[in-house]
Amino acid sequence: MTKLYDLLDKAQAKAIAKETIKIGNVYRIKMDRSNGIVPKAGDKNRNKFFVVLGFDKDGNAYGGVIINSAINRFVPQTVRDWHMPIKCDKYKFLEHDSFVDCSKLMCAKAEKFGSWEFKGAIEQEDVSIIINTIKESPNESKAHLAS
């Protein structure tokens, strides 16, 4: 079945995404090495949650990844220390209490949102905490945050 989003050109897709995607929205996305996620052995990608935290001048979204139920013990301590807990009783789209990776800001091209699944939204209070935590992360540069 063809999706309407697939029939749009890149400019139209970007325009629709820019008008409909809001800060705090959460999407289930497929991530791989190209966007910073190492898939488990034998897998090409992993499903993760992307939390929209802001936009750049080109309409690309910035955000973080929610790590399911536990923090990966194989990532450096400087990454593990920057995970914010998030509860499934507060956010029904979660199956388990999880953690938002606030160690580094990630980017997603606006046109990608047409293939992602909207799951819900993070409350503004928690969005503010996530943003402030990322700003303080030693893994994030002031130049990247300013772009």
C-alpha atoms as a PDB file:
ATOM      1  CA  MET A   1       0.000   0.000   0.000  1.00  0.00           C
ATOM      2  CA  THR A   2       1.367   3.400  -0.976  1.00  0.00           C
ATOM      3  CA  LYS A   3       1.481   6.052   1.716  1.00  0.00           C
ATOM      4  CA  LEU A   4       0.615   9.663   0.900  1.00  0.00           C
ATOM      5  CA  TYR A   5       3.967  10.731   2.326  1.00  0.00           C
ATOM      6  CA  ASP A   6       5.738   8.562  -0.294  1.00  0.00           C
ATOM      7  CA  LEU A   7       4.101  10.550  -3.107  1.00  0.00           C
ATOM      8  CA  LEU A   8       5.408  13.918  -1.910  1.00  0.00           C
ATOM      9  CA  ASP A   9       8.647  15.440  -3.091  1.00  0.00           C
ATOM     10  CA  LYS A  10      11.359  16.321  -0.552  1.00  0.00           C
ATOM     11  CA  ALA A  11      10.288  19.982  -0.217  1.00  0.00           C
ATOM     12  CA  GLN A  12       6.625  19.061   0.349  1.00  0.00           C
ATOM     13  CA  ALA A  13       7.558  16.391   2.883  1.00  0.00           C
ATOM     14  CA  LYS A  14       9.765  18.851   4.754  1.00  0.00           C
ATOM     15  CA  ALA A  15       7.011  21.482   4.800  1.00  0.00           C
ATOM     16  CA  ILE A  16       4.426  19.052   6.165  1.00  0.00           C
ATOM     17  CA  ALA A  17       6.860  17.734   8.759  1.00  0.00           C
ATOM     18  CA  LYS A  18       7.747  21.267   9.872  1.00  0.00           C
ATOM     19  CA  GLU A  19       4.063  22.126  10.387  1.00  0.00           C
ATOM     20  CA  THR A  20       3.045  18.929  12.184  1.00  0.00           C
ATOM     21  CA  ILE A  21       6.056  17.914  14.283  1.00  0.00           C
ATOM     22  CA  LYS A  22       6.088  19.558  17.690  1.00  0.00           C
ATOM     23  CA  ILE A  23       8.699  19.792  20.424  1.00  0.00           C
ATOM     24  CA  GLY A  24       8.129  16.913  22.836  1.00  0.00           C
ATOM     25  CA  ASN A  25       6.713  14.550  20.195  1.00  0.00           C
ATOM     26  CA  VAL A  26       8.003  10.997  20.434  1.00  0.00           C
ATOM     27  CA  TYR A  27       8.467   8.755  17.389  1.00  0.00           C
ATOM     28  CA  ARG A  28       9.486   5.117  17.069  1.00  0.00           C
ATOM     29  CA  ILE A  29      12.278   5.030  14.520  1.00  0.00           C
ATOM     30  CA  LYS A  30      14.676   2.527  12.991  1.00  0.00           C
ATOM     31  CA  MET A  31      18.247   3.496  13.792  1.00  0.00           C
ATOM     32  CA  ASP A  32      21.563   2.038  12.682  1.00  0.00           C
ATOM     33  CA  ARG A  33      25.257   2.889  12.631  1.00  0.00           C
ATOM     34  CA  SER A  34      24.618   5.814  10.251  1.00  0.00           C
ATOM     35  CA  ASN A  35      22.731   7.649  12.992  1.00  0.00           C
ATOM     36  CA  GLY A  36      24.711   6.525  16.024  1.00  0.00           C
ATOM     37  CA  ILE A  37      23.152   3.209  17.095  1.00  0.00           C
ATOM     38  CA  VAL A  38      25.049  -0.073  17.020  1.00  0.00           C
ATOM     39  CA  PRO A  39      22.587  -2.879  16.198  1.00  0.00           C
ATOM     40  CA  LYS A  40      22.727  -6.133  18.126  1.00  0.00           C
ATOM     41  CA  ALA A  41      24.651  -8.982  16.489  1.00  0.00           C
ATOM     42  CA  GLY A  42      22.828 -10.170  13.362  1.00  0.00           C
ATOM     43  CA  ASP A  43      20.537  -7.116  13.151  1.00  0.00           C
ATOM     44  CA  LYS A  44      20.752  -4.261  10.626  1.00  0.00           C
ATOM     45  CA  ASN A  45      18.962  -1.722  12.826  1.00  0.00           C
ATOM     46  CA  ARG A  46      17.180  -1.225  16.138  1.00  0.00           C
ATOM     47  CA  ASN A  47      13.871   0.394  16.952  1.00  0.00           C
ATOM     48  CA  LYS A  48      14.303   3.361  19.283  1.00  0.00           C
ATOM     49  CA  PHE A  49      12.279   6.315  20.427  1.00  0.00           C
ATOM     50  CA  PHE A  50      13.238   9.774  19.177  1.00  0.00           C
ATOM     51  CA  VAL A  51      12.153  12.741  21.333  1.00  0.00           C
ATOM     52  CA  VAL A  52      11.920  16.000  19.360  1.00  0.00           C
ATOM     53  CA  LEU A  53      13.640  18.803  21.273  1.00  0.00           C
ATOM     54  CA  GLY A  54      14.031  21.493  18.623  1.00  0.00           C
ATOM     55  CA  PHE A  55      14.696  22.375  14.987  1.00  0.00           C
ATOM     56  CA  ASP A  56      17.498  23.937  12.978  1.00  0.00           C
ATOM     57  CA  LYS A  57      17.106  26.536  10.209  1.00  0.00           C
ATOM     58  CA  ASP A  58      16.692  23.751   7.607  1.00  0.00           C
ATOM     59  CA  GLY A  59      13.784  22.123   9.460  1.00  0.00           C
ATOM     60  CA  ASN A  60      15.796  19.170  10.739  1.00  0.00           C
ATOM     61  CA  ALA A  61      14.732  17.961  14.174  1.00  0.00           C
ATOM     62  CA  TYR A  62      17.054  17.557  17.138  1.00  0.00           C
ATOM     63  CA  GLY A  63      16.406  15.210  19.994  1.00  0.00           C
ATOM     64  CA  GLY A  64      17.408  12.231  22.053  1.00  0.00           C
ATOM     65  CA  VAL A  65      17.008   8.492  22.117  1.00  0.00           C
ATOM     66  CA  ILE A  66      15.137   6.595  24.800  1.00  0.00           C
ATOM     67  CA  ILE A  67      17.036   3.485  25.839  1.00  0.00           C
ATOM     68  CA  ASN A  68      14.719   0.603  26.755  1.00  0.00           C
ATOM     69  CA  SER A  69      14.654  -0.528  30.383  1.00  0.00           C
ATOM     70  CA  ALA A  70      18.396  -0.403  31.097  1.00  0.00           C
ATOM     71  CA  ILE A  71      21.458   1.668  30.296  1.00  0.00           C
ATOM     72  CA  ASN A  72      23.918  -0.180  28.065  1.00  0.00           C
ATOM     73  CA  ARG A  73      26.780  -1.192  30.341  1.00  0.00           C
ATOM     74  CA  PHE A  74      29.181  -1.314  27.378  1.00  0.00           C
ATOM     75  CA  VAL A  75      29.032   2.411  26.592  1.00  0.00           C
ATOM     76  CA  PRO A  76      31.566   4.696  28.298  1.00  0.00           C
ATOM     77  CA  GLN A  77      30.778   5.995  31.780  1.00  0.00           C
ATOM     78  CA  THR A  78      30.691   9.524  30.333  1.00  0.00           C
ATOM     79  CA  VAL A  79      27.623   8.429  28.343  1.00  0.00           C
ATOM     80  CA  ARG A  80      25.983   6.286  31.055  1.00  0.00           C
ATOM     81  CA  ASP A  81      26.101   9.182  33.532  1.00  0.00           C
ATOM     82  CA  TRP A  82      23.906  11.320  31.254  1.00  0.00           C
ATOM     83  CA  HIS A  83      20.782   9.143  31.101  1.00  0.00           C
ATOM     84  CA  MET A  84      17.571  10.537  32.575  1.00  0.00           C
ATOM     85  CA  PRO A  85      15.041   8.028  33.950  1.00  0.00           C
ATOM     86  CA  ILE A  86      11.549   8.103  32.475  1.00  0.00           C
ATOM     87  CA  LYS A  87       8.612   6.106  33.874  1.00  0.00           C
ATOM     88  CA  CYS A  88       6.164   3.977  31.918  1.00  0.00           C
ATOM     89  CA  ASP A  89       3.341   4.861  34.324  1.00  0.00           C
ATOM     90  CA  LYS A  90       3.699   8.490  33.180  1.00  0.00           C
ATOM     91  CA  TYR A  91       4.212   7.738  29.480  1.00  0.00           C
ATOM     92  CA  LYS A  92       1.943   4.965  28.214  1.00  0.00           C
ATOM     93  CA  PHE A  93       3.911   4.468  24.972  1.00  0.00           C
ATOM     94  CA  LEU A  94       6.716   2.916  27.054  1.00  0.00           C
ATOM     95  CA  GLU A  95       6.596  -0.780  27.873  1.00  0.00           C
ATOM     96  CA  HIS A  96       9.270  -0.469  30.579  1.00  0.00           C
ATOM     97  CA  ASP A  97      10.725   2.243  32.758  1.00  0.00           C
ATOM     98  CA  SER A  98      13.452   3.592  30.483  1.00  0.00           C
ATOM     99  CA  PHE A  99      16.160   6.215  30.159  1.00  0.00           C
ATOM    100  CA  VAL A 100      16.552   9.195  27.833  1.00  0.00           C
ATOM    101  CA  ASP A 101      20.113   9.447  26.566  1.00  0.00           C
ATOM    102  CA  CYS A 102      21.007  13.061  27.283  1.00  0.00           C
ATOM    103  CA  SER A 103      24.713  12.609  26.575  1.00  0.00           C
ATOM    104  CA  LYS A 104      24.588  14.044  23.061  1.00  0.00           C
ATOM    105  CA  LEU A 105      22.084  15.759  20.787  1.00  0.00           C
ATOM    106  CA  MET A 106      21.047  13.774  17.717  1.00  0.00           C
ATOM    107  CA  CYS A 107      19.713  15.054  14.394  1.00  0.00           C
ATOM    108  CA  ALA A 108      16.927  13.670  12.195  1.00  0.00           C
ATOM    109  CA  LYS A 109      16.126  14.932   8.724  1.00  0.00           C
ATOM    110  CA  ALA A 110      12.563  16.272   8.574  1.00  0.00           C
ATOM    111  CA  GLU A 111      11.620  14.076   5.620  1.00  0.00           C
ATOM    112  CA  LYS A 112      12.323  10.932   7.685  1.00  0.00           C
ATOM    113  CA  PHE A 113       9.297  11.544   9.906  1.00  0.00           C
ATOM    114  CA  GLY A 114       6.954  10.249   7.192  1.00  0.00           C
ATOM    115  CA  SER A 115       8.227   6.723   7.817  1.00  0.00           C
ATOM    116  CA  TRP A 116       8.308   6.996  11.593  1.00  0.00           C
ATOM    117  CA  GLU A 117       5.518   6.039  13.963  1.00  0.00           C
ATOM    118  CA  PHE A 118       4.169   8.767  16.261  1.00  0.00           C
ATOM    119  CA  LYS A 119       3.894   7.342  19.788  1.00  0.00           C
ATOM    120  CA  GLY A 120       2.968  10.270  22.029  1.00  0.00           C
ATOM    121  CA  ALA A 121       4.546  13.299  23.643  1.00  0.00           C
ATOM    122  CA  ILE A 122       6.793  14.152  26.553  1.00  0.00           C
ATOM    123  CA  GLU A 123       5.421  16.743  28.978  1.00  0.00           C
ATOM    124  CA  GLN A 124       6.987  20.208  28.702  1.00  0.00           C
ATOM    125  CA  GLU A 125       8.501  19.955  32.194  1.00  0.00           C
ATOM    126  CA  ASP A 126      10.414  16.804  31.194  1.00  0.00           C
ATOM    127  CA  VAL A 127      11.394  18.306  27.816  1.00  0.00           C
ATOM    128  CA  SER A 128      12.996  21.208  29.712  1.00  0.00           C
ATOM    129  CA  ILE A 129      14.903  18.801  31.981  1.00  0.00           C
ATOM    130  CA  ILE A 130      16.140  16.797  28.969  1.00  0.00           C
ATOM    131  CA  ILE A 131      17.282  19.949  27.137  1.00  0.00           C
ATOM    132  CA  ASN A 132      19.063  21.346  30.204  1.00  0.00           C
ATOM    133  CA  THR A 133      20.761  18.005  30.846  1.00  0.00           C
ATOM    134  CA  ILE A 134      22.039  17.815  27.253  1.00  0.00           C
ATOM    135  CA  LYS A 135      23.355  21.377  27.542  1.00  0.00           C
ATOM    136  CA  GLU A 136      25.429  20.308  30.569  1.00  0.00           C
ATOM    137  CA  SER A 137      26.744  17.077  29.028  1.00  0.00           C
ATOM    138  CA  PRO A 138      30.538  16.970  28.598  1.00  0.00           C
ATOM    139  CA  ASN A 139      29.919  15.007  25.375  1.00  0.00           C
ATOM    140  CA  GLU A 140      28.162  17.903  23.682  1.00  0.00           C
ATOM    141  CA  SER A 141      29.869  20.945  22.203  1.00  0.00           C
ATOM    142  CA  LYS A 142      28.608  24.521  22.417  1.00  0.00           C
ATOM    143  CA  ALA A 143      29.040  24.818  18.631  1.00  0.00           C
ATOM    144  CA  HIS A 144      26.792  21.790  17.984  1.00  0.00           C
ATOM    145  CA  LEU A 145      24.163  23.096  20.383  1.00  0.00           C
ATOM    146  CA  ALA A 146      24.210  26.495  18.664  1.00  0.00           C
ATOM    147  CA  SER A 147      23.651  25.091  15.148  1.00  0.00           C
END
